[in-house]
PDB file of N, CA and C in Angstrom:
ATOM      1  N   MET A   1       9.617 -36.232  42.106  1.00  0.00           N
ATOM      2  CA  MET A   1       8.604 -35.204  41.892  1.00  0.00           C
ATOM      3  C   MET A   1       9.144 -33.837  42.280  1.00  0.00           C
ATOM      4  N   LYS A   2       9.874 -33.786  43.385  1.00  0.00           N
ATOM      5  CA  LYS A   2      10.441 -32.535  43.857  1.00  0.00           C
ATOM      6  C   LYS A   2      11.417 -31.972  42.832  1.00  0.00           C
ATOM      7  N   LYS A   3      12.170 -32.857  42.169  1.00  0.00           N
ATOM      8  CA  LYS A   3      13.137 -32.452  41.163  1.00  0.00           C
ATOM      9  C   LYS A   3      12.421 -31.842  39.945  1.00  0.00           C
ATOM     10  N   ILE A   4      11.311 -32.458  39.550  1.00  0.00           N
ATOM     11  CA  ILE A   4      10.542 -31.949  38.410  1.00  0.00           C
ATOM     12  C   ILE A   4      10.008 -30.551  38.723  1.00  0.00           C
ATOM     13  N   MET A   5       9.494 -30.341  39.904  1.00  0.00           N
ATOM     14  CA  MET A   5       8.961 -29.027  40.281  1.00  0.00           C
ATOM     15  C   MET A   5      10.072 -27.986  40.286  1.00  0.00           C
ATOM     16  N   LYS A   6      11.269 -28.386  40.732  1.00  0.00           N
ATOM     17  CA  LYS A   6      12.396 -27.459  40.769  1.00  0.00           C
ATOM     18  C   LYS A   6      12.740 -27.016  39.351  1.00  0.00           C
ATOM     19  N   TYR A   7      12.814 -27.975  38.404  1.00  0.00           N
ATOM     20  CA  TYR A   7      13.137 -27.641  37.021  1.00  0.00           C
ATOM     21  C   TYR A   7      12.037 -26.813  36.362  1.00  0.00           C
ATOM     22  N   SER A   8      10.795 -27.139  36.643  1.00  0.00           N
ATOM     23  CA  SER A   8       9.711 -26.370  36.033  1.00  0.00           C
ATOM     24  C   SER A   8       9.697 -24.941  36.544  1.00  0.00           C
ATOM     25  N   ALA A   9      10.064 -24.731  37.794  1.00  0.00           N
ATOM     26  CA  ALA A   9      10.132 -23.367  38.325  1.00  0.00           C
ATOM     27  C   ALA A   9      11.264 -22.603  37.658  1.00  0.00           C
ATOM     28  N   VAL A  10      12.398 -23.269  37.465  1.00  0.00           N
ATOM     29  CA  VAL A  10      13.550 -22.625  36.842  1.00  0.00           C
ATOM     30  C   VAL A  10      13.269 -22.330  35.372  1.00  0.00           C
ATOM     31  N   LEU A  11      12.681 -23.276  34.659  1.00  0.00           N
ATOM     32  CA  LEU A  11      12.365 -23.078  33.254  1.00  0.00           C
ATOM     33  C   LEU A  11      11.178 -22.139  33.050  1.00  0.00           C
ATOM     34  N   GLY A  12      10.272 -22.120  33.991  1.00  0.00           N
ATOM     35  CA  GLY A  12       9.074 -21.291  33.872  1.00  0.00           C
ATOM     36  C   GLY A  12       9.352 -19.804  33.964  1.00  0.00           C
ATOM     37  N   LEU A  13      10.385 -19.412  34.712  1.00  0.00           N
ATOM     38  CA  LEU A  13      10.691 -17.991  34.870  1.00  0.00           C
ATOM     39  C   LEU A  13      11.057 -17.334  33.546  1.00  0.00           C
ATOM     40  N   PRO A  14      11.996 -17.888  32.759  1.00  0.00           N
ATOM     41  CA  PRO A  14      12.301 -17.239  31.479  1.00  0.00           C
ATOM     42  C   PRO A  14      11.095 -17.183  30.539  1.00  0.00           C
ATOM     43  N   VAL A  15      10.306 -18.237  30.531  1.00  0.00           N
ATOM     44  CA  VAL A  15       9.110 -18.241  29.684  1.00  0.00           C
ATOM     45  C   VAL A  15       8.143 -17.154  30.129  1.00  0.00           C
ATOM     46  N   ALA A  16       7.948 -17.024  31.420  1.00  0.00           N
ATOM     47  CA  ALA A  16       7.065 -15.986  31.955  1.00  0.00           C
ATOM     48  C   ALA A  16       7.585 -14.603  31.605  1.00  0.00           C
ATOM     49  N   LEU A  17       8.893 -14.412  31.681  1.00  0.00           N
ATOM     50  CA  LEU A  17       9.473 -13.109  31.352  1.00  0.00           C
ATOM     51  C   LEU A  17       9.305 -12.786  29.870  1.00  0.00           C
ATOM     52  N   MET A  18       9.405 -13.790  29.010  1.00  0.00           N
ATOM     53  CA  MET A  18       9.198 -13.557  27.581  1.00  0.00           C
ATOM     54  C   MET A  18       7.750 -13.190  27.295  1.00  0.00           C
ATOM     55  N   LEU A  19       6.827 -13.775  28.015  1.00  0.00           N
ATOM     56  CA  LEU A  19       5.407 -13.524  27.771  1.00  0.00           C
ATOM     57  C   LEU A  19       4.952 -12.164  28.261  1.00  0.00           C
ATOM     58  N   VAL A  20       5.712 -11.552  29.171  1.00  0.00           N
ATOM     59  CA  VAL A  20       5.319 -10.245  29.695  1.00  0.00           C
ATOM     60  C   VAL A  20       5.178  -9.233  28.572  1.00  0.00           C
ATOM     61  N   GLY A  21       6.063  -9.283  27.586  1.00  0.00           N
ATOM     62  CA  GLY A  21       6.006  -8.329  26.488  1.00  0.00           C
ATOM     63  C   GLY A  21       5.056  -8.712  25.381  1.00  0.00           C
ATOM     64  N   CYS A  22       4.522  -9.917  25.394  1.00  0.00           N
ATOM     65  CA  CYS A  22       3.628 -10.352  24.323  1.00  0.00           C
ATOM     66  C   CYS A  22       2.336  -9.551  24.336  1.00  0.00           C
ATOM     67  N   GLY A  23       1.854  -9.242  23.153  1.00  0.00           N
ATOM     68  CA  GLY A  23       0.582  -8.545  23.038  1.00  0.00           C
ATOM     69  C   GLY A  23       0.723  -7.036  23.107  1.00  0.00           C
ATOM     70  N   LYS A  24       1.914  -6.552  23.409  1.00  0.00           N
ATOM     71  CA  LYS A  24       2.107  -5.104  23.470  1.00  0.00           C
ATOM     72  C   LYS A  24       2.669  -4.628  22.138  1.00  0.00           C
ATOM     73  N   ASP A  25       2.156  -3.499  21.661  1.00  0.00           N
ATOM     74  CA  ASP A  25       2.700  -2.911  20.453  1.00  0.00           C
ATOM     75  C   ASP A  25       4.000  -2.210  20.806  1.00  0.00           C
ATOM     76  N   PRO A  26       4.978  -2.273  19.902  1.00  0.00           N
ATOM     77  CA  PRO A  26       6.198  -1.519  20.172  1.00  0.00           C
ATOM     78  C   PRO A  26       5.865  -0.033  20.199  1.00  0.00           C
ATOM     79  N   SER A  27       6.651   0.709  20.911  1.00  0.00           N
ATOM     80  CA  SER A  27       6.422   2.143  21.043  1.00  0.00           C
ATOM     81  C   SER A  27       6.504   2.815  19.677  1.00  0.00           C
ATOM     82  N   VAL A  28       5.526   3.657  19.387  1.00  0.00           N
ATOM     83  CA  VAL A  28       5.491   4.393  18.127  1.00  0.00           C
ATOM     84  C   VAL A  28       5.825   5.844  18.439  1.00  0.00           C
ATOM     85  N   SER A  29       6.710   6.407  17.648  1.00  0.00           N
ATOM     86  CA  SER A  29       7.196   7.765  17.852  1.00  0.00           C
ATOM     87  C   SER A  29       6.513   8.723  16.882  1.00  0.00           C
ATOM     88  N   TYR A  30       6.130   9.894  17.396  1.00  0.00           N
ATOM     89  CA  TYR A  30       5.570  10.917  16.517  1.00  0.00           C
ATOM     90  C   TYR A  30       6.609  11.325  15.473  1.00  0.00           C
ATOM     91  N   SER A  31       7.811  11.704  15.923  1.00  0.00           N
ATOM     92  CA  SER A  31       8.805  12.247  14.994  1.00  0.00           C
ATOM     93  C   SER A  31       9.341  11.213  14.014  1.00  0.00           C
ATOM     94  N   ALA A  32       9.541   9.983  14.459  1.00  0.00           N
ATOM     95  CA  ALA A  32      10.128   8.966  13.588  1.00  0.00           C
ATOM     96  C   ALA A  32       9.094   8.213  12.750  1.00  0.00           C
ATOM     97  N   ASP A  33       7.876   8.058  13.251  1.00  0.00           N
ATOM     98  CA  ASP A  33       6.884   7.221  12.581  1.00  0.00           C
ATOM     99  C   ASP A  33       5.698   7.993  12.001  1.00  0.00           C
ATOM    100  N   VAL A  34       5.075   8.835  12.804  1.00  0.00           N
ATOM    101  CA  VAL A  34       3.828   9.487  12.390  1.00  0.00           C
ATOM    102  C   VAL A  34       4.075  10.716  11.521  1.00  0.00           C
ATOM    103  N   LYS A  35       4.984  11.558  11.920  1.00  0.00           N
ATOM    104  CA  LYS A  35       5.240  12.788  11.158  1.00  0.00           C
ATOM    105  C   LYS A  35       5.604  12.502   9.698  1.00  0.00           C
ATOM    106  N   PRO A  36       6.472  11.507   9.407  1.00  0.00           N
ATOM    107  CA  PRO A  36       6.752  11.220   7.989  1.00  0.00           C
ATOM    108  C   PRO A  36       5.514  10.783   7.192  1.00  0.00           C
ATOM    109  N   ILE A  37       4.601  10.078   7.831  1.00  0.00           N
ATOM    110  CA  ILE A  37       3.363   9.677   7.154  1.00  0.00           C
ATOM    111  C   ILE A  37       2.542  10.916   6.813  1.00  0.00           C
ATOM    112  N   LEU A  38       2.413  11.817   7.773  1.00  0.00           N
ATOM    113  CA  LEU A  38       1.653  13.044   7.543  1.00  0.00           C
ATOM    114  C   LEU A  38       2.320  13.909   6.475  1.00  0.00           C
ATOM    115  N   GLN A  39       3.650  13.966   6.504  1.00  0.00           N
ATOM    116  CA  GLN A  39       4.386  14.746   5.497  1.00  0.00           C
ATOM    117  C   GLN A  39       4.133  14.184   4.097  1.00  0.00           C
ATOM    118  N   GLN A  40       4.100  12.876   3.975  1.00  0.00           N
ATOM    119  CA  GLN A  40       3.931  12.249   2.667  1.00  0.00           C
ATOM    120  C   GLN A  40       2.497  12.347   2.150  1.00  0.00           C
ATOM    121  N   HIS A  41       1.515  12.216   3.039  1.00  0.00           N
ATOM    122  CA  HIS A  41       0.133  12.082   2.581  1.00  0.00           C
ATOM    123  C   HIS A  41      -0.771  13.283   2.858  1.00  0.00           C
ATOM    124  N   CYS A  42      -0.401  14.156   3.792  1.00  0.00           N
ATOM    125  CA  CYS A  42      -1.352  15.178   4.247  1.00  0.00           C
ATOM    126  C   CYS A  42      -0.889  16.616   4.060  1.00  0.00           C
ATOM    127  N   VAL A  43       0.419  16.826   4.061  1.00  0.00           N
ATOM    128  CA  VAL A  43       0.948  18.182   4.088  1.00  0.00           C
ATOM    129  C   VAL A  43       0.564  18.990   2.850  1.00  0.00           C
ATOM    130  N   GLU A  44       0.394  18.316   1.737  1.00  0.00           N
ATOM    131  CA  GLU A  44       0.061  18.999   0.491  1.00  0.00           C
ATOM    132  C   GLU A  44      -1.197  19.872   0.636  1.00  0.00           C
ATOM    133  N   CYS A  45      -2.186  19.378   1.362  1.00  0.00           N
ATOM    134  CA  CYS A  45      -3.443  20.114   1.536  1.00  0.00           C
ATOM    135  C   CYS A  45      -3.562  20.820   2.882  1.00  0.00           C
ATOM    136  N   HIS A  46      -2.886  20.294   3.883  1.00  0.00           N
ATOM    137  CA  HIS A  46      -3.089  20.805   5.237  1.00  0.00           C
ATOM    138  C   HIS A  46      -1.929  21.659   5.748  1.00  0.00           C
ATOM    139  N   LEU A  47      -1.475  22.560   4.892  1.00  0.00           N
ATOM    140  CA  LEU A  47      -0.559  23.619   5.289  1.00  0.00           C
ATOM    141  C   LEU A  47      -1.249  24.941   5.012  1.00  0.00           C
ATOM    142  N   ASN A  48      -0.756  26.002   5.611  1.00  0.00           N
ATOM    143  CA  ASN A  48      -1.344  27.327   5.427  1.00  0.00           C
ATOM    144  C   ASN A  48      -1.571  27.606   3.950  1.00  0.00           C
ATOM    145  N   GLY A  49      -2.791  27.915   3.575  1.00  0.00           N
ATOM    146  CA  GLY A  49      -3.151  28.198   2.200  1.00  0.00           C
ATOM    147  C   GLY A  49      -3.601  26.983   1.408  1.00  0.00           C
ATOM    148  N   GLY A  50      -3.412  25.791   1.937  1.00  0.00           N
ATOM    149  CA  GLY A  50      -3.841  24.578   1.244  1.00  0.00           C
ATOM    150  C   GLY A  50      -5.346  24.399   1.318  1.00  0.00           C
ATOM    151  N   ALA A  51      -5.881  23.607   0.406  1.00  0.00           N
ATOM    152  CA  ALA A  51      -7.330  23.407   0.344  1.00  0.00           C
ATOM    153  C   ALA A  51      -7.875  22.793   1.632  1.00  0.00           C
ATOM    154  N   GLY A  52      -7.163  21.839   2.204  1.00  0.00           N
ATOM    155  CA  GLY A  52      -7.607  21.210   3.442  1.00  0.00           C
ATOM    156  C   GLY A  52      -7.601  22.173   4.615  1.00  0.00           C
ATOM    157  N   PHE A  53      -6.579  23.030   4.654  1.00  0.00           N
ATOM    158  CA  PHE A  53      -6.527  24.032   5.720  1.00  0.00           C
ATOM    159  C   PHE A  53      -7.653  25.039   5.552  1.00  0.00           C
ATOM    160  N   GLU A  54      -7.885  25.494   4.341  1.00  0.00           N
ATOM    161  CA  GLU A  54      -8.944  26.476   4.091  1.00  0.00           C
ATOM    162  C   GLU A  54     -10.312  25.915   4.469  1.00  0.00           C
ATOM    163  N   ALA A  55     -10.541  24.647   4.209  1.00  0.00           N
ATOM    164  CA  ALA A  55     -11.842  24.036   4.500  1.00  0.00           C
ATOM    165  C   ALA A  55     -12.035  23.738   5.982  1.00  0.00           C
ATOM    166  N   SER A  56     -10.953  23.348   6.666  1.00  0.00           N
ATOM    167  CA  SER A  56     -11.130  22.860   8.037  1.00  0.00           C
ATOM    168  C   SER A  56     -10.330  23.599   9.096  1.00  0.00           C
ATOM    169  N   GLY A  57      -9.324  24.338   8.673  1.00  0.00           N
ATOM    170  CA  GLY A  57      -8.440  24.973   9.641  1.00  0.00           C
ATOM    171  C   GLY A  57      -7.414  24.005  10.219  1.00  0.00           C
ATOM    172  N   PHE A  58      -7.286  22.824   9.631  1.00  0.00           N
ATOM    173  CA  PHE A  58      -6.393  21.791  10.143  1.00  0.00           C
ATOM    174  C   PHE A  58      -5.017  21.889   9.493  1.00  0.00           C
ATOM    175  N   LEU A  59      -4.009  22.074  10.333  1.00  0.00           N
ATOM    176  CA  LEU A  59      -2.610  22.130   9.899  1.00  0.00           C
ATOM    177  C   LEU A  59      -1.871  20.901  10.401  1.00  0.00           C
ATOM    178  N   VAL A  60      -0.957  20.399   9.586  1.00  0.00           N
ATOM    179  CA  VAL A  60      -0.124  19.279  10.028  1.00  0.00           C
ATOM    180  C   VAL A  60       1.352  19.674  10.052  1.00  0.00           C
ATOM    181  N   GLU A  61       1.625  20.959  10.207  1.00  0.00           N
ATOM    182  CA  GLU A  61       3.008  21.430  10.153  1.00  0.00           C
ATOM    183  C   GLU A  61       3.813  21.113  11.410  1.00  0.00           C
ATOM    184  N   SER A  62       3.154  20.830  12.522  1.00  0.00           N
ATOM    185  CA  SER A  62       3.867  20.534  13.765  1.00  0.00           C
ATOM    186  C   SER A  62       2.990  19.663  14.663  1.00  0.00           C
ATOM    187  N   TYR A  63       3.613  19.128  15.691  1.00  0.00           N
ATOM    188  CA  TYR A  63       2.863  18.338  16.673  1.00  0.00           C
ATOM    189  C   TYR A  63       1.766  19.208  17.300  1.00  0.00           C
ATOM    190  N   ASP A  64       2.108  20.433  17.672  1.00  0.00           N
ATOM    191  CA  ASP A  64       1.131  21.312  18.325  1.00  0.00           C
ATOM    192  C   ASP A  64      -0.058  21.618  17.423  1.00  0.00           C
ATOM    193  N   SER A  65       0.199  21.893  16.145  1.00  0.00           N
ATOM    194  CA  SER A  65      -0.927  22.192  15.242  1.00  0.00           C
ATOM    195  C   SER A  65      -1.766  20.938  15.002  1.00  0.00           C
ATOM    196  N   LEU A  66      -1.121  19.786  14.947  1.00  0.00           N
ATOM    197  CA  LEU A  66      -1.845  18.523  14.794  1.00  0.00           C
ATOM    198  C   LEU A  66      -2.778  18.298  15.974  1.00  0.00           C
ATOM    199  N   MET A  67      -2.259  18.516  17.173  1.00  0.00           N
ATOM    200  CA  MET A  67      -3.062  18.285  18.377  1.00  0.00           C
ATOM    201  C   MET A  67      -4.142  19.352  18.570  1.00  0.00           C
ATOM    202  N   LYS A  68      -3.938  20.521  17.996  1.00  0.00           N
ATOM    203  CA  LYS A  68      -4.964  21.570  18.069  1.00  0.00           C
ATOM    204  C   LYS A  68      -6.220  21.147  17.312  1.00  0.00           C
ATOM    205  N   GLY A  69      -5.998  20.473  16.180  1.00  0.00           N
ATOM    206  CA  GLY A  69      -7.131  19.980  15.403  1.00  0.00           C
ATOM    207  C   GLY A  69      -7.641  20.967  14.386  1.00  0.00           C
ATOM    208  N   THR A  70      -8.946  20.948  14.177  1.00  0.00           N
ATOM    209  CA  THR A  70      -9.586  21.784  13.164  1.00  0.00           C
ATOM    210  C   THR A  70     -10.332  22.931  13.829  1.00  0.00           C
ATOM    211  N   LYS A  71     -10.946  23.751  13.010  1.00  0.00           N
ATOM    212  CA  LYS A  71     -11.778  24.826  13.569  1.00  0.00           C
ATOM    213  C   LYS A  71     -13.020  24.246  14.239  1.00  0.00           C
ATOM    214  N   PHE A  72     -13.262  22.947  14.030  1.00  0.00           N
ATOM    215  CA  PHE A  72     -14.401  22.275  14.653  1.00  0.00           C
ATOM    216  C   PHE A  72     -14.025  21.542  15.935  1.00  0.00           C
ATOM    217  N   GLY A  73     -12.723  21.456  16.219  1.00  0.00           N
ATOM    218  CA  GLY A  73     -12.275  20.794  17.436  1.00  0.00           C
ATOM    219  C   GLY A  73     -11.123  19.838  17.190  1.00  0.00           C
ATOM    220  N   PRO A  74     -10.688  19.166  18.245  1.00  0.00           N
ATOM    221  CA  PRO A  74      -9.558  18.232  18.136  1.00  0.00           C
ATOM    222  C   PRO A  74      -9.875  17.064  17.208  1.00  0.00           C
ATOM    223  N   VAL A  75      -8.825  16.518  16.588  1.00  0.00           N
ATOM    224  CA  VAL A  75      -8.978  15.349  15.725  1.00  0.00           C
ATOM    225  C   VAL A  75      -8.325  14.120  16.351  1.00  0.00           C
ATOM    226  N   ILE A  76      -7.638  14.334  17.476  1.00  0.00           N
ATOM    227  CA  ILE A  76      -6.969  13.240  18.171  1.00  0.00           C
ATOM    228  C   ILE A  76      -7.387  13.240  19.632  1.00  0.00           C
ATOM    229  N   VAL A  77      -7.820  12.075  20.099  1.00  0.00           N
ATOM    230  CA  VAL A  77      -8.124  11.860  21.505  1.00  0.00           C
ATOM    231  C   VAL A  77      -7.034  10.914  22.019  1.00  0.00           C
ATOM    232  N   PRO A  78      -6.012  11.453  22.702  1.00  0.00           N
ATOM    233  CA  PRO A  78      -4.915  10.593  23.147  1.00  0.00           C
ATOM    234  C   PRO A  78      -5.428   9.382  23.928  1.00  0.00           C
ATOM    235  N   GLY A  79      -4.946   8.213  23.521  1.00  0.00           N
ATOM    236  CA  GLY A  79      -5.348   6.973  24.172  1.00  0.00           C
ATOM    237  C   GLY A  79      -6.580   6.324  23.575  1.00  0.00           C
ATOM    238  N   ASP A  80      -7.235   6.980  22.607  1.00  0.00           N
ATOM    239  CA  ASP A  80      -8.494   6.460  22.071  1.00  0.00           C
ATOM    240  C   ASP A  80      -8.574   6.690  20.564  1.00  0.00           C
ATOM    241  N   SER A  81      -8.021   5.780  19.790  1.00  0.00           N
ATOM    242  CA  SER A  81      -8.007   5.959  18.340  1.00  0.00           C
ATOM    243  C   SER A  81      -9.410   5.920  17.738  1.00  0.00           C
ATOM    244  N   ILE A  82     -10.300   5.131  18.314  1.00  0.00           N
ATOM    245  CA  ILE A  82     -11.663   5.023  17.779  1.00  0.00           C
ATOM    246  C   ILE A  82     -12.408   6.357  17.883  1.00  0.00           C
ATOM    247  N   SER A  83     -12.115   7.144  18.903  1.00  0.00           N
ATOM    248  CA  SER A  83     -12.752   8.452  19.062  1.00  0.00           C
ATOM    249  C   SER A  83     -11.986   9.566  18.357  1.00  0.00           C
ATOM    250  N   SER A  84     -10.891   9.220  17.712  1.00  0.00           N
ATOM    251  CA  SER A  84     -10.050  10.207  17.026  1.00  0.00           C
ATOM    252  C   SER A  84     -10.428  10.279  15.554  1.00  0.00           C
ATOM    253  N   SER A  85     -10.947  11.429  15.145  1.00  0.00           N
ATOM    254  CA  SER A  85     -11.396  11.554  13.761  1.00  0.00           C
ATOM    255  C   SER A  85     -10.237  11.440  12.770  1.00  0.00           C
ATOM    256  N   LEU A  86      -9.029  11.811  13.153  1.00  0.00           N
ATOM    257  CA  LEU A  86      -7.893  11.636  12.245  1.00  0.00           C
ATOM    258  C   LEU A  86      -7.752  10.160  11.861  1.00  0.00           C
ATOM    259  N   TYR A  87      -7.738   9.299  12.852  1.00  0.00           N
ATOM    260  CA  TYR A  87      -7.627   7.860  12.571  1.00  0.00           C
ATOM    261  C   TYR A  87      -8.810   7.378  11.730  1.00  0.00           C
ATOM    262  N   ARG A  88     -10.003   7.739  12.107  1.00  0.00           N
ATOM    263  CA  ARG A  88     -11.196   7.251  11.410  1.00  0.00           C
ATOM    264  C   ARG A  88     -11.227   7.724   9.951  1.00  0.00           C
ATOM    265  N   LEU A  89     -10.753   8.949   9.707  1.00  0.00           N
ATOM    266  CA  LEU A  89     -10.725   9.476   8.340  1.00  0.00           C
ATOM    267  C   LEU A  89      -9.702   8.750   7.468  1.00  0.00           C
ATOM    268  N   VAL A  90      -8.509   8.508   7.999  1.00  0.00           N
ATOM    269  CA  VAL A  90      -7.494   7.843   7.181  1.00  0.00           C
ATOM    270  C   VAL A  90      -7.734   6.339   7.077  1.00  0.00           C
ATOM    271  N   ALA A  91      -8.410   5.760   8.057  1.00  0.00           N
ATOM    272  CA  ALA A  91      -8.693   4.325   8.036  1.00  0.00           C
ATOM    273  C   ALA A  91      -9.921   3.990   7.191  1.00  0.00           C
ATOM    274  N   GLY A  92     -10.630   4.998   6.714  1.00  0.00           N
ATOM    275  CA  GLY A  92     -11.800   4.753   5.891  1.00  0.00           C
ATOM    276  C   GLY A  92     -13.015   4.326   6.676  1.00  0.00           C
ATOM    277  N   GLU A  93     -13.056   4.682   7.958  1.00  0.00           N
ATOM    278  CA  GLU A  93     -14.192   4.312   8.812  1.00  0.00           C
ATOM    279  C   GLU A  93     -15.259   5.397   8.822  1.00  0.00           C
ATOM    280  N   VAL A  94     -15.345   6.122   7.726  1.00  0.00           N
ATOM    281  CA  VAL A  94     -16.311   7.207   7.570  1.00  0.00           C
ATOM    282  C   VAL A  94     -16.898   7.118   6.163  1.00  0.00           C
ATOM    283  N   ASP A  95     -17.793   8.006   5.855  1.00  0.00           N
ATOM    284  CA  ASP A  95     -18.343   8.084   4.501  1.00  0.00           C
ATOM    285  C   ASP A  95     -17.177   8.224   3.510  1.00  0.00           C
ATOM    286  N   PRO A  96     -17.163   7.447   2.444  1.00  0.00           N
ATOM    287  CA  PRO A  96     -16.062   7.506   1.482  1.00  0.00           C
ATOM    288  C   PRO A  96     -15.800   8.898   0.908  1.00  0.00           C
ATOM    289  N   SER A  97     -16.811   9.739   0.883  1.00  0.00           N
ATOM    290  CA  SER A  97     -16.617  11.080   0.319  1.00  0.00           C
ATOM    291  C   SER A  97     -15.743  11.975   1.189  1.00  0.00           C
ATOM    292  N   ILE A  98     -15.550  11.593   2.447  1.00  0.00           N
ATOM    293  CA  ILE A  98     -14.694  12.415   3.315  1.00  0.00           C
ATOM    294  C   ILE A  98     -13.448  11.662   3.786  1.00  0.00           C
ATOM    295  N   ARG A  99     -13.193  10.488   3.208  1.00  0.00           N
ATOM    296  CA  ARG A  99     -11.988   9.742   3.553  1.00  0.00           C
ATOM    297  C   ARG A  99     -10.758  10.575   3.194  1.00  0.00           C
ATOM    298  N   MET A 100      -9.750  10.481   4.032  1.00  0.00           N
ATOM    299  CA  MET A 100      -8.500  11.190   3.777  1.00  0.00           C
ATOM    300  C   MET A 100      -7.420  10.183   3.423  1.00  0.00           C
ATOM    301  N   PRO A 101      -6.514  10.594   2.570  1.00  0.00           N
ATOM    302  CA  PRO A 101      -6.442  11.861   1.838  1.00  0.00           C
ATOM    303  C   PRO A 101      -7.379  11.855   0.628  1.00  0.00           C
ATOM    304  N   HIS A 102      -7.868  13.031   0.300  1.00  0.00           N
ATOM    305  CA  HIS A 102      -8.743  13.196  -0.869  1.00  0.00           C
ATOM    306  C   HIS A 102      -7.898  13.112  -2.131  1.00  0.00           C
ATOM    307  N   GLN A 103      -8.473  12.587  -3.168  1.00  0.00           N
ATOM    308  CA  GLN A 103      -7.890  12.578  -4.510  1.00  0.00           C
ATOM    309  C   GLN A 103      -6.473  12.020  -4.560  1.00  0.00           C
ATOM    310  N   LYS A 104      -6.150  11.170  -3.631  1.00  0.00           N
ATOM    311  CA  LYS A 104      -4.857  10.490  -3.641  1.00  0.00           C
ATOM    312  C   LYS A 104      -5.106   9.044  -3.255  1.00  0.00           C
ATOM    313  N   GLU A 105      -4.105   8.228  -3.447  1.00  0.00           N
ATOM    314  CA  GLU A 105      -4.204   6.843  -3.011  1.00  0.00           C
ATOM    315  C   GLU A 105      -4.379   6.803  -1.497  1.00  0.00           C
ATOM    316  N   PRO A 106      -5.146   5.839  -0.989  1.00  0.00           N
ATOM    317  CA  PRO A 106      -5.277   5.711   0.464  1.00  0.00           C
ATOM    318  C   PRO A 106      -3.915   5.444   1.106  1.00  0.00           C
ATOM    319  N   ILE A 107      -3.798   5.828   2.356  1.00  0.00           N
ATOM    320  CA  ILE A 107      -2.578   5.564   3.105  1.00  0.00           C
ATOM    321  C   ILE A 107      -2.482   4.047   3.297  1.00  0.00           C
ATOM    322  N   PRO A 108      -1.299   3.465   3.100  1.00  0.00           N
ATOM    323  CA  PRO A 108      -1.146   2.013   3.273  1.00  0.00           C
ATOM    324  C   PRO A 108      -1.552   1.557   4.679  1.00  0.00           C
ATOM    325  N   ASP A 109      -2.091   0.349   4.746  1.00  0.00           N
ATOM    326  CA  ASP A 109      -2.602  -0.196   6.009  1.00  0.00           C
ATOM    327  C   ASP A 109      -1.569  -0.179   7.126  1.00  0.00           C
ATOM    328  N   GLN A 110      -0.309  -0.495   6.822  1.00  0.00           N
ATOM    329  CA  GLN A 110       0.704  -0.529   7.882  1.00  0.00           C
ATOM    330  C   GLN A 110       0.971   0.863   8.440  1.00  0.00           C
ATOM    331  N   GLU A 111       0.828   1.896   7.625  1.00  0.00           N
ATOM    332  CA  GLU A 111       0.994   3.263   8.107  1.00  0.00           C
ATOM    333  C   GLU A 111      -0.220   3.700   8.928  1.00  0.00           C
ATOM    334  N   ILE A 112      -1.407   3.277   8.513  1.00  0.00           N
ATOM    335  CA  ILE A 112      -2.611   3.554   9.295  1.00  0.00           C
ATOM    336  C   ILE A 112      -2.495   2.877  10.657  1.00  0.00           C
ATOM    337  N   ALA A 113      -1.960   1.669  10.686  1.00  0.00           N
ATOM    338  CA  ALA A 113      -1.769   0.945  11.951  1.00  0.00           C
ATOM    339  C   ALA A 113      -0.798   1.688  12.866  1.00  0.00           C
ATOM    340  N   LEU A 114       0.227   2.316  12.301  1.00  0.00           N
ATOM    341  CA  LEU A 114       1.157   3.114  13.112  1.00  0.00           C
ATOM    342  C   LEU A 114       0.440   4.313  13.742  1.00  0.00           C
ATOM    343  N   ILE A 115      -0.387   4.987  12.961  1.00  0.00           N
ATOM    344  CA  ILE A 115      -1.153   6.128  13.487  1.00  0.00           C
ATOM    345  C   ILE A 115      -2.083   5.658  14.602  1.00  0.00           C
ATOM    346  N   GLU A 116      -2.767   4.556  14.363  1.00  0.00           N
ATOM    347  CA  GLU A 116      -3.684   4.002  15.368  1.00  0.00           C
ATOM    348  C   GLU A 116      -2.933   3.668  16.661  1.00  0.00           C
ATOM    349  N   THR A 117      -1.802   3.015  16.540  1.00  0.00           N
ATOM    350  CA  THR A 117      -1.020   2.622  17.716  1.00  0.00           C
ATOM    351  C   THR A 117      -0.488   3.846  18.437  1.00  0.00           C
ATOM    352  N   TRP A 118       0.006   4.827  17.697  1.00  0.00           N
ATOM    353  CA  TRP A 118       0.525   6.061  18.303  1.00  0.00           C
ATOM    354  C   TRP A 118      -0.568   6.754  19.125  1.00  0.00           C
ATOM    355  N   ILE A 119      -1.759   6.852  18.570  1.00  0.00           N
ATOM    356  CA  ILE A 119      -2.871   7.477  19.303  1.00  0.00           C
ATOM    357  C   ILE A 119      -3.206   6.637  20.532  1.00  0.00           C
ATOM    358  N   ALA A 120      -3.311   5.321  20.355  1.00  0.00           N
ATOM    359  CA  ALA A 120      -3.644   4.424  21.470  1.00  0.00           C
ATOM    360  C   ALA A 120      -2.605   4.512  22.583  1.00  0.00           C
ATOM    361  N   GLN A 121      -1.358   4.772  22.226  1.00  0.00           N
ATOM    362  CA  GLN A 121      -0.286   4.892  23.211  1.00  0.00           C
ATOM    363  C   GLN A 121      -0.222   6.276  23.849  1.00  0.00           C
ATOM    364  N   GLY A 122      -1.173   7.132  23.531  1.00  0.00           N
ATOM    365  CA  GLY A 122      -1.250   8.442  24.183  1.00  0.00           C
ATOM    366  C   GLY A 122      -0.893   9.618  23.312  1.00  0.00           C
ATOM    367  N   ALA A 123      -0.597   9.394  22.018  1.00  0.00           N
ATOM    368  CA  ALA A 123      -0.291  10.464  21.070  1.00  0.00           C
ATOM    369  C   ALA A 123       0.755  11.444  21.614  1.00  0.00           C
ATOM    370  N   GLN A 124       1.851  10.882  22.061  1.00  0.00           N
ATOM    371  CA  GLN A 124       2.899  11.697  22.684  1.00  0.00           C
ATOM    372  C   GLN A 124       3.766  12.399  21.648  1.00  0.00           C
ATOM    373  N   ASN A 125       4.365  13.498  22.053  1.00  0.00           N
ATOM    374  CA  ASN A 125       5.298  14.242  21.209  1.00  0.00           C
ATOM    375  C   ASN A 125       6.682  13.653  21.447  1.00  0.00           C
ATOM    376  N   ASN A 126       6.904  12.506  20.860  1.00  0.00           N
ATOM    377  CA  ASN A 126       8.188  11.819  21.074  1.00  0.00           C
ATOM    378  C   ASN A 126       8.899  11.555  19.757  1.00  0.00           C
TER     379      ASN A 126
END
């Protein structure tokens, strides 16, 4: 019995170490993951002079302008994607008439998941 306990303790440590990382999303980077999504789907309207900027004051030209939000307030609540209107708008969790992006195909689910994870991880400028 003592031998079995010794082996289970030895074998249990690697298993426990592998499980430590389970359930955690890999780190999502603003520059490598989120910015390219915004460049592809949002920049057309949300740059100076664009229709989206004129309507809301929202620019996606930089991390700082993204975090500033719209003339109505921030669109990202670091650590809380559900309270972040950017996530809710692109995920379609709002009235369909205001879903983003307008007049374009919806952002693919895997890209929306990256935005959600980035916000949940604190929306860092990384």
